[in-house]
């Protein structure tokens, strides 16, 4: 996804959203809550909007997937990538977060601070 966004930029913000929400909620932080957090975070919102603008500026050669049509869809895709990299054992965040095995997907810290 480097063409539109970099994992190294957005993943730390996603991780902080999970930590922050978990501290107040003390329960699984659901996918949509993380999306909302990204949209409310100034840096997160900037990165989401930047990815959306980059994609929108390119000519579309095939049918557009529904999630691509909104910034919220892009934020959701970023969160999905975060989870996918953990489940594929390709993320340092694997040591920090647990994921639910079924929908609605959720995350929580493995160790509570």
N, C-alpha and C. Protein backbone atom coordinates (compact mmCIF):
# COMPACT_ATOMS: atom_id res chain seq x y z
N UNK A 1 0.82 -1.20 0.00
CA UNK A 1 0.00 0.00 0.00
C UNK A 1 0.86 1.26 0.00
N UNK A 2 2.15 1.14 -0.09
CA UNK A 2 3.04 2.29 -0.05
C UNK A 2 2.70 3.38 -1.06
N UNK A 3 1.97 3.03 -2.08
CA UNK A 3 1.57 4.03 -3.07
C UNK A 3 0.62 5.07 -2.46
N UNK A 4 -0.16 4.66 -1.48
CA UNK A 4 -1.16 5.56 -0.89
C UNK A 4 -0.88 5.88 0.57
N UNK A 5 -0.37 4.91 1.32
CA UNK A 5 0.01 5.17 2.72
C UNK A 5 1.08 4.18 3.15
N UNK A 6 1.84 4.57 4.17
CA UNK A 6 2.90 3.73 4.70
C UNK A 6 2.49 3.17 6.05
N UNK A 7 2.67 1.88 6.22
CA UNK A 7 2.35 1.24 7.49
C UNK A 7 3.11 1.89 8.64
N UNK A 8 4.37 2.23 8.39
CA UNK A 8 5.20 2.81 9.45
C UNK A 8 4.67 4.16 9.94
N UNK A 9 3.91 4.84 9.12
CA UNK A 9 3.32 6.11 9.53
C UNK A 9 2.01 5.92 10.29
N UNK A 10 1.16 5.05 9.79
CA UNK A 10 -0.20 4.94 10.34
C UNK A 10 -0.30 3.94 11.49
N UNK A 11 0.49 2.88 11.48
CA UNK A 11 0.37 1.85 12.52
C UNK A 11 0.61 2.38 13.93
N UNK A 12 1.60 3.26 14.18
CA UNK A 12 1.76 3.78 15.54
C UNK A 12 0.53 4.56 16.02
N UNK A 13 -0.14 5.24 15.12
CA UNK A 13 -1.34 5.99 15.49
C UNK A 13 -2.47 5.02 15.81
N UNK A 14 -2.61 3.98 15.01
CA UNK A 14 -3.62 2.95 15.29
C UNK A 14 -3.35 2.31 16.64
N UNK A 15 -2.11 1.97 16.91
CA UNK A 15 -1.75 1.35 18.19
C UNK A 15 -2.10 2.27 19.35
N UNK A 16 -1.82 3.55 19.21
CA UNK A 16 -2.14 4.50 20.28
C UNK A 16 -3.65 4.65 20.45
N UNK A 17 -4.39 4.60 19.37
CA UNK A 17 -5.86 4.63 19.46
C UNK A 17 -6.36 3.44 20.29
N UNK A 18 -5.80 2.27 20.03
CA UNK A 18 -6.22 1.08 20.78
C UNK A 18 -5.87 1.24 22.25
N UNK A 19 -4.64 1.66 22.55
CA UNK A 19 -4.22 1.83 23.95
C UNK A 19 -5.13 2.82 24.68
N UNK A 20 -5.35 3.96 24.05
CA UNK A 20 -6.14 5.02 24.68
C UNK A 20 -7.57 4.58 24.92
N UNK A 21 -8.19 4.01 23.91
CA UNK A 21 -9.59 3.58 24.04
C UNK A 21 -9.70 2.45 25.07
N UNK A 22 -8.73 1.55 25.08
CA UNK A 22 -8.78 0.44 26.04
C UNK A 22 -8.68 0.95 27.48
N UNK A 23 -7.83 1.95 27.71
CA UNK A 23 -7.68 2.49 29.07
C UNK A 23 -9.00 3.02 29.61
N UNK A 24 -9.81 3.62 28.77
CA UNK A 24 -11.09 4.15 29.24
C UNK A 24 -12.20 3.11 29.21
N UNK A 25 -12.13 2.18 28.29
CA UNK A 25 -13.21 1.21 28.07
C UNK A 25 -13.01 -0.10 28.86
N UNK A 26 -11.75 -0.52 28.99
CA UNK A 26 -11.41 -1.79 29.66
C UNK A 26 -12.08 -2.99 28.99
N UNK A 27 -12.21 -2.94 27.68
CA UNK A 27 -12.82 -4.03 26.91
C UNK A 27 -12.25 -3.95 25.49
N UNK A 28 -12.58 -4.96 24.68
CA UNK A 28 -12.11 -4.98 23.30
C UNK A 28 -12.42 -3.66 22.61
N UNK A 29 -11.44 -3.15 21.88
CA UNK A 29 -11.62 -1.94 21.08
C UNK A 29 -11.94 -2.41 19.67
N UNK A 30 -13.14 -2.10 19.23
CA UNK A 30 -13.64 -2.61 17.96
C UNK A 30 -13.12 -1.81 16.77
N UNK A 31 -13.10 -2.48 15.64
CA UNK A 31 -12.62 -1.90 14.39
C UNK A 31 -13.19 -0.49 14.15
N UNK A 32 -14.49 -0.35 14.25
CA UNK A 32 -15.12 0.94 13.97
C UNK A 32 -14.71 2.02 14.96
N UNK A 33 -14.43 1.64 16.20
CA UNK A 33 -13.94 2.61 17.19
C UNK A 33 -12.56 3.12 16.82
N UNK A 34 -11.74 2.24 16.28
CA UNK A 34 -10.40 2.64 15.86
C UNK A 34 -10.49 3.56 14.63
N UNK A 35 -11.37 3.22 13.72
CA UNK A 35 -11.60 4.07 12.54
C UNK A 35 -12.00 5.47 12.99
N UNK A 36 -12.93 5.55 13.92
CA UNK A 36 -13.38 6.85 14.42
C UNK A 36 -12.25 7.61 15.10
N UNK A 37 -11.43 6.89 15.86
CA UNK A 37 -10.28 7.51 16.51
C UNK A 37 -9.32 8.09 15.48
N UNK A 38 -9.04 7.34 14.42
CA UNK A 38 -8.17 7.84 13.36
C UNK A 38 -8.73 9.12 12.74
N UNK A 39 -10.03 9.12 12.52
CA UNK A 39 -10.66 10.28 11.89
C UNK A 39 -10.67 11.50 12.83
N UNK A 40 -10.60 11.25 14.14
CA UNK A 40 -10.59 12.34 15.12
C UNK A 40 -9.19 12.79 15.50
N UNK A 41 -8.19 12.01 15.17
CA UNK A 41 -6.80 12.34 15.48
C UNK A 41 -6.25 13.22 14.35
N UNK A 42 -5.62 14.32 14.70
CA UNK A 42 -5.18 15.26 13.65
C UNK A 42 -4.19 14.61 12.67
N UNK A 43 -3.20 13.91 13.18
CA UNK A 43 -2.23 13.27 12.29
C UNK A 43 -2.87 12.09 11.55
N UNK A 44 -3.66 11.31 12.28
CA UNK A 44 -4.35 10.18 11.65
C UNK A 44 -5.26 10.64 10.53
N UNK A 45 -6.06 11.68 10.80
CA UNK A 45 -6.98 12.21 9.79
C UNK A 45 -6.21 12.73 8.58
N UNK A 46 -5.07 13.38 8.83
CA UNK A 46 -4.24 13.87 7.73
C UNK A 46 -3.78 12.71 6.85
N UNK A 47 -3.28 11.63 7.47
CA UNK A 47 -2.78 10.49 6.70
C UNK A 47 -3.90 9.78 5.94
N UNK A 48 -5.07 9.68 6.56
CA UNK A 48 -6.23 9.09 5.89
C UNK A 48 -6.62 9.94 4.69
N UNK A 49 -6.74 11.24 4.90
CA UNK A 49 -7.12 12.14 3.80
C UNK A 49 -6.08 12.14 2.70
N UNK A 50 -4.81 12.09 3.07
CA UNK A 50 -3.73 12.06 2.07
C UNK A 50 -3.84 10.81 1.21
N UNK A 51 -4.09 9.65 1.84
CA UNK A 51 -4.24 8.40 1.07
C UNK A 51 -5.43 8.50 0.13
N UNK A 52 -6.53 9.02 0.64
CA UNK A 52 -7.74 9.17 -0.17
C UNK A 52 -7.49 10.09 -1.36
N UNK A 53 -6.83 11.22 -1.12
CA UNK A 53 -6.53 12.17 -2.21
C UNK A 53 -5.59 11.55 -3.23
N UNK A 54 -4.59 10.81 -2.77
CA UNK A 54 -3.65 10.16 -3.70
C UNK A 54 -4.39 9.18 -4.60
N UNK A 55 -5.27 8.38 -4.00
CA UNK A 55 -6.03 7.42 -4.79
C UNK A 55 -6.97 8.14 -5.75
N UNK A 56 -7.65 9.15 -5.25
CA UNK A 56 -8.63 9.87 -6.06
C UNK A 56 -7.99 10.59 -7.24
N UNK A 57 -6.73 10.97 -7.13
CA UNK A 57 -6.05 11.71 -8.19
C UNK A 57 -5.63 10.81 -9.36
N UNK A 58 -5.72 9.51 -9.17
CA UNK A 58 -5.32 8.57 -10.24
C UNK A 58 -6.55 8.13 -11.02
N UNK A 59 -6.40 7.96 -12.33
CA UNK A 59 -7.52 7.46 -13.12
C UNK A 59 -7.87 6.03 -12.70
N UNK A 60 -9.14 5.75 -12.58
CA UNK A 60 -9.61 4.43 -12.17
C UNK A 60 -9.86 3.58 -13.42
N UNK A 61 -9.15 2.47 -13.50
CA UNK A 61 -9.21 1.62 -14.69
C UNK A 61 -10.21 0.48 -14.55
N UNK A 62 -10.66 0.23 -13.33
CA UNK A 62 -11.61 -0.85 -13.11
C UNK A 62 -12.67 -0.39 -12.13
N UNK A 63 -13.61 -1.28 -11.84
CA UNK A 63 -14.68 -0.94 -10.92
C UNK A 63 -14.08 -0.58 -9.56
N UNK A 64 -14.60 0.48 -8.95
CA UNK A 64 -14.08 0.97 -7.68
C UNK A 64 -14.74 0.21 -6.54
N UNK A 65 -13.90 -0.35 -5.68
CA UNK A 65 -14.41 -1.03 -4.48
C UNK A 65 -15.09 0.01 -3.58
N UNK A 66 -16.17 -0.39 -2.95
CA UNK A 66 -16.98 0.54 -2.16
C UNK A 66 -16.18 1.25 -1.07
N UNK A 67 -15.29 0.54 -0.38
CA UNK A 67 -14.55 1.15 0.71
C UNK A 67 -13.66 2.29 0.25
N UNK A 68 -13.26 2.29 -1.00
CA UNK A 68 -12.36 3.33 -1.50
C UNK A 68 -13.04 4.68 -1.70
N UNK A 69 -14.35 4.71 -1.64
CA UNK A 69 -15.09 5.92 -2.00
C UNK A 69 -15.14 6.96 -0.90
N UNK A 70 -14.68 6.63 0.31
CA UNK A 70 -14.73 7.60 1.42
C UNK A 70 -13.45 7.55 2.24
N UNK A 71 -13.11 8.65 2.90
CA UNK A 71 -11.97 8.61 3.82
C UNK A 71 -12.16 7.58 4.93
N UNK A 72 -13.38 7.42 5.44
CA UNK A 72 -13.64 6.42 6.48
C UNK A 72 -13.31 5.02 5.96
N UNK A 73 -13.62 4.78 4.70
CA UNK A 73 -13.27 3.49 4.10
C UNK A 73 -11.77 3.27 4.08
N UNK A 74 -11.03 4.33 3.79
CA UNK A 74 -9.58 4.23 3.80
C UNK A 74 -9.06 3.99 5.21
N UNK A 75 -9.64 4.67 6.19
CA UNK A 75 -9.24 4.44 7.59
C UNK A 75 -9.50 2.98 7.97
N UNK A 76 -10.65 2.45 7.56
CA UNK A 76 -10.97 1.06 7.84
C UNK A 76 -9.98 0.11 7.20
N UNK A 77 -9.56 0.43 5.99
CA UNK A 77 -8.57 -0.40 5.30
C UNK A 77 -7.24 -0.37 6.04
N UNK A 78 -6.87 0.78 6.56
CA UNK A 78 -5.62 0.90 7.31
C UNK A 78 -5.67 0.03 8.57
N UNK A 79 -6.80 0.06 9.26
CA UNK A 79 -6.98 -0.77 10.46
C UNK A 79 -6.94 -2.25 10.08
N UNK A 80 -7.56 -2.60 8.96
CA UNK A 80 -7.54 -3.99 8.50
C UNK A 80 -6.11 -4.45 8.21
N UNK A 81 -5.30 -3.59 7.59
CA UNK A 81 -3.90 -3.93 7.33
C UNK A 81 -3.15 -4.14 8.64
N UNK A 82 -3.43 -3.29 9.63
CA UNK A 82 -2.81 -3.41 10.95
C UNK A 82 -3.06 -4.81 11.51
N UNK A 83 -4.31 -5.24 11.49
CA UNK A 83 -4.68 -6.57 11.99
C UNK A 83 -4.10 -7.69 11.15
N UNK A 84 -4.12 -7.53 9.84
CA UNK A 84 -3.60 -8.57 8.96
C UNK A 84 -2.12 -8.82 9.21
N UNK A 85 -1.36 -7.76 9.36
CA UNK A 85 0.08 -7.92 9.59
C UNK A 85 0.34 -8.63 10.92
N UNK A 86 -0.49 -8.38 11.92
CA UNK A 86 -0.35 -9.08 13.20
C UNK A 86 -0.65 -10.56 13.01
N UNK A 87 -1.76 -10.87 12.35
CA UNK A 87 -2.14 -12.28 12.20
C UNK A 87 -1.16 -13.05 11.31
N UNK A 88 -0.48 -12.36 10.42
CA UNK A 88 0.53 -12.99 9.57
C UNK A 88 1.89 -13.06 10.25
N UNK A 89 1.96 -12.60 11.50
CA UNK A 89 3.21 -12.59 12.26
C UNK A 89 4.26 -11.73 11.55
N UNK A 90 3.81 -10.62 10.99
CA UNK A 90 4.71 -9.72 10.26
C UNK A 90 4.70 -8.32 10.86
N UNK A 91 4.41 -8.24 12.18
CA UNK A 91 4.33 -6.94 12.82
C UNK A 91 4.89 -7.02 14.23
N UNK A 92 5.63 -6.01 14.62
CA UNK A 92 6.12 -5.95 16.00
C UNK A 92 4.96 -5.75 16.98
N UNK A 93 3.81 -5.31 16.49
CA UNK A 93 2.66 -5.11 17.37
C UNK A 93 2.03 -6.43 17.80
N UNK A 94 2.45 -7.53 17.20
CA UNK A 94 1.95 -8.85 17.59
C UNK A 94 2.23 -9.13 19.06
N UNK A 95 3.34 -8.63 19.56
CA UNK A 95 3.71 -8.85 20.97
C UNK A 95 2.87 -8.00 21.91
N UNK A 96 2.28 -6.95 21.40
CA UNK A 96 1.56 -6.00 22.25
C UNK A 96 0.05 -6.19 22.27
N UNK A 97 -0.55 -6.66 21.16
CA UNK A 97 -2.00 -6.69 21.06
C UNK A 97 -2.56 -8.08 20.78
N UNK A 98 -3.74 -8.33 21.35
CA UNK A 98 -4.54 -9.51 21.02
C UNK A 98 -5.62 -9.06 20.05
N UNK A 99 -6.05 -9.98 19.19
CA UNK A 99 -7.15 -9.71 18.26
C UNK A 99 -8.25 -10.73 18.49
N UNK A 100 -9.50 -10.30 18.29
CA UNK A 100 -10.60 -11.25 18.33
C UNK A 100 -10.50 -12.13 17.11
N UNK A 101 -11.04 -13.32 17.21
CA UNK A 101 -10.97 -14.28 16.10
C UNK A 101 -12.15 -14.14 15.15
N UNK A 102 -13.18 -13.42 15.54
CA UNK A 102 -14.38 -13.30 14.70
C UNK A 102 -14.88 -11.86 14.71
N UNK A 103 -15.80 -11.58 13.81
CA UNK A 103 -16.39 -10.24 13.73
C UNK A 103 -17.35 -10.04 14.89
N UNK A 104 -17.51 -8.85 15.39
CA UNK A 104 -16.76 -7.65 14.99
C UNK A 104 -15.33 -7.72 15.54
N UNK A 105 -14.38 -7.45 14.67
CA UNK A 105 -12.98 -7.56 15.06
C UNK A 105 -12.65 -6.51 16.12
N UNK A 106 -11.88 -6.95 17.08
CA UNK A 106 -11.48 -6.06 18.17
C UNK A 106 -10.04 -6.32 18.57
N UNK A 107 -9.49 -5.40 19.30
CA UNK A 107 -8.10 -5.44 19.73
C UNK A 107 -8.04 -5.03 21.20
N UNK A 108 -7.05 -5.58 21.91
CA UNK A 108 -6.76 -5.11 23.25
C UNK A 108 -5.31 -5.40 23.57
N UNK A 109 -4.74 -4.60 24.46
CA UNK A 109 -3.34 -4.85 24.85
C UNK A 109 -3.21 -6.20 25.55
N UNK A 110 -2.09 -6.87 25.33
CA UNK A 110 -1.82 -8.13 26.04
C UNK A 110 -1.43 -7.85 27.48
N UNK A 111 -0.70 -6.77 27.69
CA UNK A 111 -0.28 -6.36 29.04
C UNK A 111 -0.93 -5.02 29.35
N UNK A 112 -1.55 -4.95 30.48
CA UNK A 112 -2.20 -3.71 30.89
C UNK A 112 -1.19 -2.87 31.68
N UNK A 113 -1.07 -1.61 31.26
CA UNK A 113 -0.14 -0.70 31.93
C UNK A 113 -0.81 0.02 33.07
